[in-house]
Amino acid sequence: MKSKSLEELLRKYPNLTHLRYMRLLMHLSTTDLGARSRVDPTLINRIENCNRKASQVVQKRLANYFHTQPECLFDEDGWCKTVTRKRKKYNERKN
């Protein structure tokens, strides 16, 4: 299975979250991630779409699955962090 670049994912998902990015990098569906992390797949989808905050328990379970800290995936309020495209400054662009 071919891995998509970050730019391709940002085009498809303009508000790409770190959680969805990690999941897609590992070629997991929400169902697979839910089964492996013991989190309801519907809840994962709602968290990825920024429709729900993640409780501390859910944050820990998902972070543990990805071998990272919850702070890498979620902000202090429990919302998913989004991946932002870094824009070049005007004077750094090629003419």
Protein backbone atom coordinates (compact mmCIF):
# COMPACT_ATOMS: atom_id res chain seq x y z
CA MET A 1 0.00 0.00 0.00
CA LYS A 2 1.45 3.36 -1.04
CA SER A 3 1.91 5.93 1.70
CA LYS A 4 0.42 9.34 0.99
CA SER A 5 2.48 12.47 1.48
CA LEU A 6 1.53 15.10 4.02
CA GLU A 7 0.59 17.50 1.22
CA GLU A 8 -1.82 14.98 -0.28
CA LEU A 9 -3.43 14.38 3.09
CA LEU A 10 -3.76 18.11 3.74
CA ARG A 11 -5.53 18.53 0.41
CA LYS A 12 -7.96 15.75 1.28
CA TYR A 13 -8.37 16.76 4.95
CA PRO A 14 -7.91 20.56 5.30
CA ASN A 15 -8.21 20.29 9.11
CA LEU A 16 -6.00 17.23 9.46
CA THR A 17 -5.48 16.30 13.09
CA HIS A 18 -2.38 14.65 14.51
CA LEU A 19 -4.49 11.67 15.52
CA ARG A 20 -5.86 11.10 12.00
CA TYR A 21 -2.40 11.66 10.51
CA MET A 22 -0.87 9.00 12.77
CA ARG A 23 -3.73 6.60 12.03
CA LEU A 24 -3.41 7.07 8.27
CA LEU A 25 0.38 6.68 8.37
CA MET A 26 -0.13 3.27 9.95
CA HIS A 27 -2.87 2.37 7.42
CA LEU A 28 -5.47 1.82 10.15
CA SER A 29 -9.21 2.29 9.94
CA THR A 30 -11.03 3.77 12.91
CA THR A 31 -12.39 0.27 13.57
CA ASP A 32 -8.87 -1.22 13.68
CA LEU A 33 -7.56 1.57 15.91
CA GLY A 34 -10.57 1.23 18.19
CA ALA A 35 -10.07 -2.50 18.62
CA ARG A 36 -6.34 -2.13 19.28
CA SER A 37 -6.61 0.83 21.67
CA ARG A 38 -9.91 -0.17 23.35
CA VAL A 39 -11.64 3.07 22.28
CA ASP A 40 -15.00 3.15 20.47
CA PRO A 41 -14.42 3.78 16.72
CA THR A 42 -17.32 6.25 16.60
CA LEU A 43 -15.70 8.25 19.38
CA ILE A 44 -12.37 8.22 17.52
CA ASN A 45 -14.11 9.62 14.44
CA ARG A 46 -15.80 12.38 16.44
CA ILE A 47 -12.50 13.28 18.13
CA GLU A 48 -10.65 13.34 14.79
CA ASN A 49 -13.31 15.63 13.30
CA CYS A 50 -13.05 17.93 16.34
CA ASN A 51 -16.67 17.30 17.31
CA ARG A 52 -15.76 15.87 20.74
CA LYS A 53 -13.07 16.36 23.33
CA ALA A 54 -11.14 13.30 24.42
CA SER A 55 -11.23 12.36 28.08
CA GLN A 56 -7.92 11.78 29.83
CA VAL A 57 -8.48 8.02 29.72
CA VAL A 58 -9.07 8.09 25.95
CA GLN A 59 -6.07 10.40 25.45
CA LYS A 60 -3.82 7.98 27.34
CA ARG A 61 -5.11 4.92 25.49
CA LEU A 62 -4.60 6.49 22.06
CA ALA A 63 -1.21 7.97 22.96
CA ASN A 64 -0.05 4.64 24.39
CA TYR A 65 -1.03 2.86 21.20
CA PHE A 66 1.05 5.30 19.13
CA HIS A 67 3.92 5.21 21.69
CA THR A 68 3.75 8.94 22.32
CA GLN A 69 2.62 11.40 24.97
CA PRO A 70 -0.99 12.69 25.03
CA GLU A 71 0.38 16.25 24.67
CA CYS A 72 1.58 15.37 21.15
CA LEU A 73 -1.95 14.54 20.01
CA PHE A 74 -4.20 16.71 22.20
CA ASP A 75 -4.21 20.21 23.64
CA GLU A 76 -4.70 20.89 27.36
CA ASP A 77 -8.51 20.96 26.95
CA GLY A 78 -8.68 17.54 25.26
CA TRP A 79 -9.20 18.73 21.68
CA CYS A 80 -7.18 17.12 18.90
CA LYS A 81 -4.24 19.18 17.69
CA THR A 82 -4.31 19.98 13.99
CA VAL A 83 -1.45 19.68 11.53
CA THR A 84 -0.79 23.02 9.91
CA ARG A 85 0.91 23.61 6.63
CA LYS A 86 3.89 25.90 7.08
CA ARG A 87 3.70 28.74 4.63
CA LYS A 88 6.80 30.31 3.17
CA LYS A 89 7.34 33.96 3.88
CA TYR A 90 6.89 36.27 0.93
CA ASN A 91 10.61 36.90 0.54
CA GLU A 92 11.39 33.14 0.61
CA ARG A 93 9.17 32.28 -2.35
CA LYS A 94 10.68 31.65 -5.73
CA ASN A 95 9.70 34.07 -8.47
